[in-house]
C-alpha atoms as a PDB file:
ATOM      1  CA  MET A   1       0.000   0.000   0.000  1.00  0.00           C
ATOM      2  CA  LEU A   2       1.240   3.466  -0.833  1.00  0.00           C
ATOM      3  CA  ILE A   3       1.324   5.597   2.280  1.00  0.00           C
ATOM      4  CA  HIS A   4       2.176   8.926   0.632  1.00  0.00           C
ATOM      5  CA  PRO A   5      -1.385   9.640  -0.585  1.00  0.00           C
ATOM      6  CA  THR A   6      -2.660   8.970   2.938  1.00  0.00           C
ATOM      7  CA  ILE A   7      -0.106  11.368   4.417  1.00  0.00           C
ATOM      8  CA  ASP A   8      -1.042  13.980   1.816  1.00  0.00           C
ATOM      9  CA  ASN A   9      -4.733  13.523   2.681  1.00  0.00           C
ATOM     10  CA  LEU A  10      -4.003  13.965   6.389  1.00  0.00           C
ATOM     11  CA  LYS A  11      -2.177  17.206   5.592  1.00  0.00           C
ATOM     12  CA  THR A  12      -5.096  18.370   3.423  1.00  0.00           C
ATOM     13  CA  LEU A  13      -7.409  17.728   6.383  1.00  0.00           C
ATOM     14  CA  LYS A  14      -5.016  19.773   8.556  1.00  0.00           C
ATOM     15  CA  LEU A  15      -4.164  16.740  10.694  1.00  0.00           C
ATOM     16  CA  LEU A  16      -0.498  17.663  10.604  1.00  0.00           C
ATOM     17  CA  ALA A  17       0.513  15.918  13.830  1.00  0.00           C
ATOM     18  CA  MET A  18      -1.067  12.677  12.625  1.00  0.00           C
ATOM     19  CA  ALA A  19       0.772  12.938   9.316  1.00  0.00           C
ATOM     20  CA  SER A  20       4.085  13.611  11.036  1.00  0.00           C
ATOM     21  CA  THR A  21       3.610  10.769  13.528  1.00  0.00           C
ATOM     22  CA  LEU A  22       2.653   8.366  10.759  1.00  0.00           C
ATOM     23  CA  GLU A  23       5.821   9.235   8.865  1.00  0.00           C
ATOM     24  CA  ASN A  24       7.863   8.700  12.035  1.00  0.00           C
ATOM     25  CA  GLN A  25       6.173   5.355  12.770  1.00  0.00           C
ATOM     26  CA  ARG A  26       7.178   4.040   9.371  1.00  0.00           C
ATOM     27  CA  HIS A  27      10.850   4.403  10.293  1.00  0.00           C
ATOM     28  CA  LEU A  28      10.680   2.918  13.783  1.00  0.00           C
ATOM     29  CA  LEU A  29      11.217  -0.804  14.123  1.00  0.00           C
ATOM     30  CA  ASP A  30       9.304  -0.925  17.406  1.00  0.00           C
ATOM     31  CA  SER A  31       6.125   0.267  15.722  1.00  0.00           C
ATOM     32  CA  GLN A  32       6.108  -2.817  13.485  1.00  0.00           C
ATOM     33  CA  GLU A  33       5.097  -4.894  16.511  1.00  0.00           C
ATOM     34  CA  LEU A  34       2.127  -2.694  17.431  1.00  0.00           C
ATOM     35  CA  SER A  35      -1.436  -3.611  16.529  1.00  0.00           C
ATOM     36  CA  PHE A  36      -3.560  -1.403  14.296  1.00  0.00           C
ATOM     37  CA  GLU A  37      -5.500  -0.110  17.296  1.00  0.00           C
ATOM     38  CA  GLU A  38      -2.280   0.816  19.128  1.00  0.00           C
ATOM     39  CA  LYS A  39      -0.892   2.649  16.093  1.00  0.00           C
ATOM     40  CA  LEU A  40      -4.178   4.492  15.589  1.00  0.00           C
ATOM     41  CA  GLY A  41      -4.235   5.434  19.261  1.00  0.00           C
ATOM     42  CA  ILE A  42      -0.732   6.907  18.991  1.00  0.00           C
ATOM     43  CA  LEU A  43      -1.776   8.947  15.944  1.00  0.00           C
ATOM     44  CA  VAL A  44      -4.919  10.264  17.648  1.00  0.00           C
ATOM     45  CA  ASP A  45      -3.012  11.081  20.856  1.00  0.00           C
ATOM     46  CA  ALA A  46      -0.388  13.014  18.874  1.00  0.00           C
ATOM     47  CA  GLU A  47      -3.051  15.057  17.074  1.00  0.00           C
ATOM     48  CA  LEU A  48      -4.920  15.746  20.314  1.00  0.00           C
ATOM     49  CA  ALA A  49      -1.725  16.866  22.075  1.00  0.00           C
ATOM     50  CA  ALA A  50      -0.802  19.150  19.155  1.00  0.00           C
ATOM     51  CA  LYS A  51      -4.254  20.762  19.110  1.00  0.00           C
ATOM     52  CA  ASP A  52      -4.235  21.234  22.899  1.00  0.00           C
ATOM     53  CA  SER A  53      -0.792  22.832  22.727  1.00  0.00           C
ATOM     54  CA  LYS A  54      -1.874  25.135  19.908  1.00  0.00           C
ATOM     55  CA  ARG A  55      -5.025  26.106  21.813  1.00  0.00           C
ATOM     56  CA  LEU A  56      -3.034  26.879  24.982  1.00  0.00           C
ATOM     57  CA  THR A  57      -0.480  28.932  23.045  1.00  0.00           C
ATOM     58  CA  SER A  58      -3.261  30.917  21.417  1.00  0.00           C
ATOM     59  CA  ARG A  59      -4.992  31.571  24.734  1.00  0.00           C
ATOM     60  CA  LEU A  60      -1.756  32.688  26.377  1.00  0.00           C
ATOM     61  CA  ARG A  61      -1.043  35.053  23.490  1.00  0.00           C
ATOM     62  CA  ASN A  62      -4.573  36.488  23.633  1.00  0.00           C
ATOM     63  CA  ALA A  63      -4.426  36.893  27.419  1.00  0.00           C
ATOM     64  CA  LYS A  64      -1.800  39.644  27.039  1.00  0.00           C
ATOM     65  CA  LEU A  65      -0.289  38.925  30.434  1.00  0.00           C
ATOM     66  CA  ARG A  66       1.776  41.779  31.818  1.00  0.00           C
ATOM     67  CA  LEU A  67       4.448  39.680  33.506  1.00  0.00           C
ATOM     68  CA  ALA A  68       6.317  36.669  32.266  1.00  0.00           C
ATOM     69  CA  ALA A  69       6.766  34.241  35.151  1.00  0.00           C
ATOM     70  CA  CYS A  70       7.768  30.659  35.686  1.00  0.00           C
ATOM     71  CA  ILE A  71       7.222  28.181  38.498  1.00  0.00           C
ATOM     72  CA  GLU A  72      10.825  28.567  39.686  1.00  0.00           C
ATOM     73  CA  ASP A  73      10.143  32.228  40.518  1.00  0.00           C
ATOM     74  CA  LEU A  74       7.579  31.334  43.194  1.00  0.00           C
ATOM     75  CA  LYS A  75       8.708  31.494  46.796  1.00  0.00           C
ATOM     76  CA  SER A  76       7.752  28.740  49.166  1.00  0.00           C
ATOM     77  CA  SER A  77       5.818  29.769  52.263  1.00  0.00           C
ATOM     78  CA  ARG A  78       7.028  26.674  54.117  1.00  0.00           C
ATOM     79  CA  PRO A  79      10.093  26.965  56.326  1.00  0.00           C
ATOM     80  CA  ALA A  80      13.179  25.151  55.094  1.00  0.00           C
ATOM     81  CA  ALA A  81      13.654  21.768  56.724  1.00  0.00           C
END
Protein backbone atom coordinates (compact mmCIF):
# COMPACT_ATOMS: atom_id res chain seq x y z
CA MET A 1 0.00 0.00 0.00
CA LEU A 2 1.24 3.47 -0.83
CA ILE A 3 1.32 5.60 2.28
CA HIS A 4 2.18 8.93 0.63
CA PRO A 5 -1.38 9.64 -0.59
CA THR A 6 -2.66 8.97 2.94
CA ILE A 7 -0.11 11.37 4.42
CA ASP A 8 -1.04 13.98 1.82
CA ASN A 9 -4.73 13.52 2.68
CA LEU A 10 -4.00 13.97 6.39
CA LYS A 11 -2.18 17.21 5.59
CA THR A 12 -5.10 18.37 3.42
CA LEU A 13 -7.41 17.73 6.38
CA LYS A 14 -5.02 19.77 8.56
CA LEU A 15 -4.16 16.74 10.69
CA LEU A 16 -0.50 17.66 10.60
CA ALA A 17 0.51 15.92 13.83
CA MET A 18 -1.07 12.68 12.63
CA ALA A 19 0.77 12.94 9.32
CA SER A 20 4.08 13.61 11.04
CA THR A 21 3.61 10.77 13.53
CA LEU A 22 2.65 8.37 10.76
CA GLU A 23 5.82 9.24 8.87
CA ASN A 24 7.86 8.70 12.04
CA GLN A 25 6.17 5.36 12.77
CA ARG A 26 7.18 4.04 9.37
CA HIS A 27 10.85 4.40 10.29
CA LEU A 28 10.68 2.92 13.78
CA LEU A 29 11.22 -0.80 14.12
CA ASP A 30 9.30 -0.93 17.41
CA SER A 31 6.13 0.27 15.72
CA GLN A 32 6.11 -2.82 13.49
CA GLU A 33 5.10 -4.89 16.51
CA LEU A 34 2.13 -2.69 17.43
CA SER A 35 -1.44 -3.61 16.53
CA PHE A 36 -3.56 -1.40 14.30
CA GLU A 37 -5.50 -0.11 17.30
CA GLU A 38 -2.28 0.82 19.13
CA LYS A 39 -0.89 2.65 16.09
CA LEU A 40 -4.18 4.49 15.59
CA GLY A 41 -4.23 5.43 19.26
CA ILE A 42 -0.73 6.91 18.99
CA LEU A 43 -1.78 8.95 15.94
CA VAL A 44 -4.92 10.26 17.65
CA ASP A 45 -3.01 11.08 20.86
CA ALA A 46 -0.39 13.01 18.87
CA GLU A 47 -3.05 15.06 17.07
CA LEU A 48 -4.92 15.75 20.31
CA ALA A 49 -1.72 16.87 22.08
CA ALA A 50 -0.80 19.15 19.15
CA LYS A 51 -4.25 20.76 19.11
CA ASP A 52 -4.24 21.23 22.90
CA SER A 53 -0.79 22.83 22.73
CA LYS A 54 -1.87 25.13 19.91
CA ARG A 55 -5.03 26.11 21.81
CA LEU A 56 -3.03 26.88 24.98
CA THR A 57 -0.48 28.93 23.05
CA SER A 58 -3.26 30.92 21.42
CA ARG A 59 -4.99 31.57 24.73
CA LEU A 60 -1.76 32.69 26.38
CA ARG A 61 -1.04 35.05 23.49
CA ASN A 62 -4.57 36.49 23.63
CA ALA A 63 -4.43 36.89 27.42
CA LYS A 64 -1.80 39.64 27.04
CA LEU A 65 -0.29 38.93 30.43
CA ARG A 66 1.78 41.78 31.82
CA LEU A 67 4.45 39.68 33.51
CA ALA A 68 6.32 36.67 32.27
CA ALA A 69 6.77 34.24 35.15
CA CYS A 70 7.77 30.66 35.69
CA ILE A 71 7.22 28.18 38.50
CA GLU A 72 10.83 28.57 39.69
CA ASP A 73 10.14 32.23 40.52
CA LEU A 74 7.58 31.33 43.19
CA LYS A 75 8.71 31.49 46.80
CA SER A 76 7.75 28.74 49.17
CA SER A 77 5.82 29.77 52.26
CA ARG A 78 7.03 26.67 54.12
CA PRO A 79 10.09 26.96 56.33
CA ALA A 80 13.18 25.15 55.09
CA ALA A 81 13.65 21.77 56.72
